[in-house]
């Protein structure tokens, strides 16, 4: 797999989102399966793993620490602070404790990329990032980033300490970052790291029936609007022409969606698809070898976008509480 840069870090062009192995999309696979997946990911060329203390209330970090403790020099490790089961809390006094707890669960001495998971509206972001910058000075963290924020918040954070990465939901059907923040990232030299790059599996074409999703599945909670049966029935019509474009490029739908991202932002983005399935992980990694021409990129832009997709990406209350561009 070819590599890209996040600040001073060199990472695989496609990273692995580990959250699904602990929470988010129904019951996780067995821990044994997840541990095999993590090891296999390193074997096939993934060198960038993304987790957070929030995922499974610490379980996801513990899983990484347990699964690949002797392979720490083979991957770049990203985790996040400031969000837990108790909600968002950017109190500077808590940040150092979050970091120490994550280091212990991950069984490592240093976190390569440490994100503020969500800005706390009650705490100036400069204060939270200031506390995180002290972790860099102490040698416990190498680079800092921020997740799901507006361009104004990113500028404030970057003025306090360079933001190596901005993590945000971005895919063919979730285009919010295009409104403003991608241009700001380019200006600041901040790498865009798209999460949910496969539209919470929609763009893979494997989710055919949304009536049997588990109650704790994100597609039944915060991401519900696009997965309501009536909306989904309209959205799924986009997949037939999408599949035709994939076939023309000799790749799967999932690989096409990821290749579209790899072609964006001067080919600097690092998408982090998550999965619980080893074969899907291997398939996703293969997208790094799919190179799309400008005509195909434009064709995809016109086919699937926020004008052609039915439903918002989040429920109304979640949209209002999310610190990102609303218009």
Protein backbone atom coordinates (compact mmCIF):
# COMPACT_ATOMS: atom_id res chain seq x y z
CA UNK A 1 0.00 0.00 0.00
CA UNK A 2 1.38 3.44 -0.84
CA UNK A 3 1.89 5.95 1.93
CA UNK A 4 0.83 9.49 2.79
CA UNK A 5 1.80 12.07 5.41
CA UNK A 6 0.06 13.29 8.56
CA UNK A 7 2.33 15.93 10.01
CA UNK A 8 5.65 14.21 10.66
CA UNK A 9 4.03 10.77 10.44
CA UNK A 10 4.11 8.45 7.42
CA UNK A 11 1.00 6.26 7.19
CA UNK A 12 -0.66 3.83 4.80
CA UNK A 13 -2.92 5.64 2.32
CA UNK A 14 -5.88 3.83 3.87
CA UNK A 15 -6.09 3.47 7.63
CA UNK A 16 -8.14 1.07 9.72
CA UNK A 17 -10.93 2.37 11.91
CA UNK A 18 -11.09 0.00 14.85
CA UNK A 19 -14.31 1.23 16.53
CA UNK A 20 -16.57 -1.40 14.91
CA UNK A 21 -14.77 -4.12 16.83
CA UNK A 22 -16.17 -2.75 20.09
CA UNK A 23 -19.36 -0.82 19.31
CA UNK A 24 -21.45 1.04 16.77
CA UNK A 25 -22.93 -1.52 14.38
CA UNK A 26 -24.67 -4.23 16.35
CA UNK A 27 -22.91 -6.97 18.27
CA UNK A 28 -19.11 -7.02 17.74
CA UNK A 29 -17.37 -10.12 16.52
CA UNK A 30 -15.54 -12.29 19.05
CA UNK A 31 -12.37 -10.82 20.51
CA UNK A 32 -10.43 -13.64 18.89
CA UNK A 33 -11.70 -12.63 15.45
CA UNK A 34 -10.90 -8.97 16.10
CA UNK A 35 -7.38 -9.83 17.19
CA UNK A 36 -6.86 -11.87 14.03
CA UNK A 37 -8.16 -8.96 11.95
CA UNK A 38 -5.74 -6.50 13.55
CA UNK A 39 -2.77 -8.76 12.92
CA UNK A 40 -3.87 -9.50 9.37
CA UNK A 41 -4.27 -5.77 8.69
CA UNK A 42 -0.62 -5.19 9.56
CA UNK A 43 0.36 -8.17 7.41
CA UNK A 44 -1.36 -6.77 4.29
CA UNK A 45 0.03 -3.26 4.59
CA UNK A 46 -2.10 -1.15 6.91
CA UNK A 47 0.18 1.01 9.06
CA UNK A 48 -2.39 3.43 10.52
CA UNK A 49 -4.85 2.39 13.26
CA UNK A 50 -7.55 4.68 14.62
CA UNK A 51 -9.27 4.24 17.97
CA UNK A 52 -10.59 6.32 20.90
CA UNK A 53 -11.13 5.99 24.61
CA UNK A 54 -14.87 6.36 23.90
CA UNK A 55 -15.07 3.20 21.80
CA UNK A 56 -16.44 0.47 24.02
CA UNK A 57 -15.61 2.58 27.08
CA UNK A 58 -11.91 1.71 26.79
CA UNK A 59 -12.37 -1.79 25.35
CA UNK A 60 -11.20 -0.78 21.88
CA UNK A 61 -7.89 0.56 23.16
CA UNK A 62 -7.45 -2.51 25.35
CA UNK A 63 -8.10 -4.71 22.29
CA UNK A 64 -5.24 -3.09 20.37
CA UNK A 65 -2.94 -3.40 23.38
CA UNK A 66 -3.81 -7.07 23.71
CA UNK A 67 -3.80 -8.02 20.02
CA UNK A 68 -0.54 -6.55 18.74
CA UNK A 69 1.69 -5.68 21.73
CA UNK A 70 4.87 -6.93 20.06
CA UNK A 71 4.22 -5.11 16.76
CA UNK A 72 4.13 -1.53 18.01
CA UNK A 73 6.89 -0.41 15.63
CA UNK A 74 4.81 -1.53 12.61
CA UNK A 75 2.00 1.00 12.86
CA UNK A 76 1.10 4.61 13.56
CA UNK A 77 -1.42 4.82 16.39
CA UNK A 78 -4.18 7.42 16.68
CA UNK A 79 -6.57 7.75 19.59
CA UNK A 80 -8.79 10.47 21.00
CA UNK A 81 -9.68 12.26 24.23
CA UNK A 82 -12.42 14.55 25.46
CA UNK A 83 -15.42 12.29 24.81
CA UNK A 84 -16.61 9.43 27.00
CA UNK A 85 -19.84 7.66 27.93
CA UNK A 86 -20.48 10.64 30.22
CA UNK A 87 -20.40 13.09 27.31
CA UNK A 88 -18.04 15.76 26.00
CA UNK A 89 -15.53 17.18 28.47
CA UNK A 90 -12.56 19.28 27.36
CA UNK A 91 -11.48 20.29 30.86
CA UNK A 92 -7.69 20.70 30.65
CA UNK A 93 -7.32 19.11 34.08
CA UNK A 94 -8.84 15.87 32.76
CA UNK A 95 -6.91 15.62 29.50
CA UNK A 96 -3.65 14.40 31.04
CA UNK A 97 -5.55 11.72 32.94
CA UNK A 98 -7.27 10.62 29.73
CA UNK A 99 -3.89 10.29 28.07
CA UNK A 100 -2.33 8.27 30.87
CA UNK A 101 -5.29 5.89 30.91
CA UNK A 102 -5.11 5.44 27.12
CA UNK A 103 -1.37 4.77 27.21
CA UNK A 104 -1.95 2.06 29.79
CA UNK A 105 -4.77 0.40 27.86
CA UNK A 106 -2.82 0.55 24.60
CA UNK A 107 0.33 -0.79 26.27
CA UNK A 108 2.52 1.86 24.70
CA UNK A 109 4.75 4.72 25.81
CA UNK A 110 3.63 7.18 23.16
CA UNK A 111 0.52 8.02 21.11
CA UNK A 112 1.49 9.01 17.58
CA UNK A 113 -1.59 11.11 16.83
CA UNK A 114 -3.83 12.39 19.63
CA UNK A 115 -7.16 13.95 18.66
CA UNK A 116 -9.58 16.06 20.59
CA UNK A 117 -12.59 13.85 19.86
CA UNK A 118 -15.15 16.65 20.05
CA UNK A 119 -14.73 20.32 21.05
CA UNK A 120 -16.39 21.11 24.36
CA UNK A 121 -18.72 24.12 23.93
CA UNK A 122 -18.19 24.96 27.62
CA UNK A 123 -14.38 25.14 27.38
CA UNK A 124 -12.41 27.35 24.97
CA UNK A 125 -10.72 25.01 22.51
CA UNK A 126 -7.45 26.87 23.04
CA UNK A 127 -7.42 25.71 26.68
CA UNK A 128 -8.03 22.06 25.80
CA UNK A 129 -5.46 22.05 23.00
CA UNK A 130 -3.05 23.86 25.30
CA UNK A 131 -3.25 20.95 27.74
CA UNK A 132 -2.76 18.47 24.90
CA UNK A 133 0.31 20.38 23.68
CA UNK A 134 1.89 19.79 27.08
CA UNK A 135 1.62 16.06 26.38
CA UNK A 136 3.65 16.60 23.21
CA UNK A 137 6.26 18.48 25.23
CA UNK A 138 6.36 15.60 27.72
CA UNK A 139 7.01 13.07 24.92
CA UNK A 140 3.76 11.17 25.47
CA UNK A 141 2.24 12.32 22.15
CA UNK A 142 3.84 13.04 18.76
CA UNK A 143 1.19 14.94 16.80
CA UNK A 144 -2.17 16.55 17.61
CA UNK A 145 -5.43 16.59 15.70
CA UNK A 146 -9.08 17.46 16.15
CA UNK A 147 -12.25 15.63 15.13
CA UNK A 148 -15.61 16.86 13.81
CA UNK A 149 -15.26 20.62 14.15
CA UNK A 150 -15.95 23.81 12.21
CA UNK A 151 -13.30 25.72 10.29
CA UNK A 152 -13.39 28.50 12.93
CA UNK A 153 -12.64 25.98 15.67
CA UNK A 154 -9.87 24.42 13.61
CA UNK A 155 -8.20 27.80 13.18
CA UNK A 156 -8.30 28.45 16.92
CA UNK A 157 -6.89 25.00 17.68
CA UNK A 158 -4.16 25.33 15.06
CA UNK A 159 -3.12 28.74 16.43
CA UNK A 160 -2.54 27.07 19.80
CA UNK A 161 -0.64 24.05 18.43
CA UNK A 162 -0.29 22.79 14.82
CA UNK A 163 -3.14 20.47 13.91
CA UNK A 164 -1.63 17.59 11.92
CA UNK A 165 -5.05 16.09 11.15
CA UNK A 166 -8.71 16.96 10.94
CA UNK A 167 -10.99 13.94 11.25
CA UNK A 168 -14.50 14.39 9.91
CA UNK A 169 -17.24 12.35 8.31
CA UNK A 170 -16.67 12.59 4.57
CA UNK A 171 -17.76 10.41 1.69
CA UNK A 172 -19.63 10.68 -1.58
CA UNK A 173 -22.89 11.12 0.31
CA UNK A 174 -21.60 13.23 3.24
CA UNK A 175 -20.04 16.37 1.78
CA UNK A 176 -20.08 18.82 4.72
CA UNK A 177 -16.25 19.30 4.74
CA UNK A 178 -16.43 20.66 1.18
CA UNK A 179 -18.32 23.74 2.39
CA UNK A 180 -15.29 25.34 3.98
CA UNK A 181 -13.01 23.25 6.15
CA UNK A 182 -11.20 21.33 3.40
CA UNK A 183 -9.90 24.62 2.01
CA UNK A 184 -8.79 25.66 5.50
CA UNK A 185 -7.00 22.33 5.96
CA UNK A 186 -5.15 22.87 2.69
CA UNK A 187 -4.14 26.35 3.82
CA UNK A 188 -2.90 25.13 7.21
CA UNK A 189 -1.23 21.93 6.01
CA UNK A 190 -3.68 19.78 7.97
CA UNK A 191 -4.40 16.31 6.57
CA UNK A 192 -8.08 15.39 6.20
CA UNK A 193 -8.86 11.97 7.69
CA UNK A 194 -12.37 10.92 6.59
CA UNK A 195 -14.31 8.63 8.93
CA UNK A 196 -17.34 6.65 7.71
CA UNK A 197 -15.87 6.89 4.19
CA UNK A 198 -18.19 4.12 3.01
CA UNK A 199 -21.36 5.86 4.14
CA UNK A 200 -21.83 3.51 7.10
CA UNK A 201 -21.70 0.58 4.62
CA UNK A 202 -24.25 2.09 2.19
CA UNK A 203 -21.65 2.64 -0.54
CA UNK A 204 -20.50 -0.98 -0.33
CA UNK A 205 -23.90 -2.20 -1.48
CA UNK A 206 -24.02 -4.92 1.19
CA UNK A 207 -26.75 -3.32 3.33
CA UNK A 208 -29.94 -4.34 1.55
CA UNK A 209 -32.48 -4.53 4.39
CA UNK A 210 -32.54 -1.76 7.00
CA UNK A 211 -35.55 -3.15 8.87
CA UNK A 212 -33.50 -5.76 10.74
CA UNK A 213 -30.69 -3.56 12.08
CA UNK A 214 -29.95 -3.88 15.79
CA UNK A 215 -31.39 -1.23 18.10
CA UNK A 216 -27.87 -0.14 19.12
CA UNK A 217 -26.73 0.24 15.51
CA UNK A 218 -25.73 3.84 14.70
CA UNK A 219 -27.88 3.59 11.59
CA UNK A 220 -30.90 3.29 13.90
CA UNK A 221 -29.84 6.10 16.21
CA UNK A 222 -27.81 9.19 15.26
CA UNK A 223 -27.52 8.32 11.54
CA UNK A 224 -31.16 7.28 11.18
CA UNK A 225 -32.54 9.78 8.59
CA UNK A 226 -30.82 8.20 5.56
CA UNK A 227 -31.59 4.70 6.78
CA UNK A 228 -35.31 5.16 7.36
CA UNK A 229 -36.94 2.55 5.08
CA UNK A 230 -38.54 5.11 2.74
CA UNK A 231 -35.38 7.20 2.41
CA UNK A 232 -33.21 4.12 2.01
CA UNK A 233 -35.43 2.79 -0.76
CA UNK A 234 -34.75 6.00 -2.70
CA UNK A 235 -31.04 6.09 -1.91
CA UNK A 236 -30.41 2.50 -2.92
CA UNK A 237 -31.43 3.36 -6.49
CA UNK A 238 -28.11 5.21 -6.78
CA UNK A 239 -26.16 1.99 -6.35
CA UNK A 240 -26.94 0.47 -9.75
CA UNK A 241 -25.18 3.21 -11.77
CA UNK A 242 -22.54 3.37 -9.04
CA UNK A 243 -21.92 -0.35 -9.53
CA UNK A 244 -21.61 0.18 -13.29
CA UNK A 245 -18.83 2.73 -12.69
CA UNK A 246 -17.10 0.30 -10.32
CA UNK A 247 -17.24 -2.46 -12.93
CA UNK A 248 -15.81 -0.12 -15.55
CA UNK A 249 -12.88 0.52 -13.22
CA UNK A 250 -12.39 -3.16 -12.33
CA UNK A 251 -13.05 -2.64 -8.64
CA UNK A 252 -15.74 -3.21 -6.02
CA UNK A 253 -18.19 -0.52 -4.89
CA UNK A 254 -16.28 -0.13 -1.62
CA UNK A 255 -13.00 0.30 -3.46
CA UNK A 256 -14.57 2.87 -5.80
CA UNK A 257 -15.86 4.96 -2.88
CA UNK A 258 -12.43 4.92 -1.23
CA UNK A 259 -10.61 5.62 -4.50
CA UNK A 260 -12.79 8.72 -4.95
CA UNK A 261 -11.57 9.99 -1.57
CA UNK A 262 -7.95 9.14 -2.38
CA UNK A 263 -8.26 11.36 -5.46
CA UNK A 264 -9.48 14.39 -3.46
CA UNK A 265 -7.56 17.27 -1.84
CA UNK A 266 -4.51 16.87 -4.11
CA UNK A 267 -4.38 13.18 -3.19
CA UNK A 268 -3.50 13.83 0.46
CA UNK A 269 -6.48 12.35 2.32
CA UNK A 270 -6.24 9.25 4.50
CA UNK A 271 -9.67 7.57 4.84
CA UNK A 272 -10.16 5.16 7.73
CA UNK A 273 -12.89 2.62 6.88
CA UNK A 274 -13.90 0.42 9.77
CA UNK A 275 -15.00 -3.20 9.61
CA UNK A 276 -15.41 -6.33 11.70
CA UNK A 277 -14.77 -8.60 8.71
CA UNK A 278 -11.28 -9.67 7.61
CA UNK A 279 -12.25 -10.04 3.94
CA UNK A 280 -13.78 -6.55 3.90
CA UNK A 281 -10.62 -5.13 5.48
CA UNK A 282 -8.52 -6.72 2.74
CA UNK A 283 -10.92 -5.49 0.05
CA UNK A 284 -10.79 -1.93 1.41
CA UNK A 285 -7.01 -1.96 1.40
CA UNK A 286 -7.04 -2.83 -2.27
CA UNK A 287 -8.57 0.57 -3.02
CA UNK A 288 -5.11 2.11 -2.69
CA UNK A 289 -4.26 0.59 -6.07
CA UNK A 290 -7.33 2.02 -7.83
CA UNK A 291 -6.49 5.28 -9.62
CA UNK A 292 -9.44 7.23 -11.01
CA UNK A 293 -9.19 9.70 -13.86
CA UNK A 294 -10.77 13.16 -13.65
CA UNK A 295 -13.73 12.16 -15.81
CA UNK A 296 -14.66 9.32 -13.45
CA UNK A 297 -14.26 11.53 -10.38
CA UNK A 298 -16.60 14.09 -11.93
CA UNK A 299 -19.09 11.37 -12.86
CA UNK A 300 -19.17 10.16 -9.26
CA UNK A 301 -19.51 13.73 -7.96
CA UNK A 302 -22.62 14.19 -10.06
CA UNK A 303 -24.15 10.81 -9.23
CA UNK A 304 -23.96 10.73 -5.42
CA UNK A 305 -23.95 13.93 -3.42
CA UNK A 306 -26.03 15.72 -0.80
CA UNK A 307 -28.48 16.87 -3.50
CA UNK A 308 -29.17 13.36 -4.80
CA UNK A 309 -29.25 11.62 -1.40
CA UNK A 310 -32.46 11.58 0.65
CA UNK A 311 -32.12 12.47 4.35
CA UNK A 312 -29.64 14.30 6.57
CA UNK A 313 -26.52 12.48 7.80
CA UNK A 314 -27.58 12.89 11.46
CA UNK A 315 -30.81 13.37 13.38
CA UNK A 316 -31.85 17.01 13.83
CA UNK A 317 -30.72 17.26 17.47
CA UNK A 318 -27.35 15.70 16.64
CA UNK A 319 -26.91 18.07 13.69
CA UNK A 320 -27.55 21.07 15.94
CA UNK A 321 -25.05 19.92 18.57
CA UNK A 322 -22.28 19.13 16.08
CA UNK A 323 -19.57 21.77 15.73
CA UNK A 324 -19.33 21.85 11.94
CA UNK A 325 -20.50 24.11 9.13
CA UNK A 326 -24.28 24.11 8.94
CA UNK A 327 -24.55 26.01 5.65
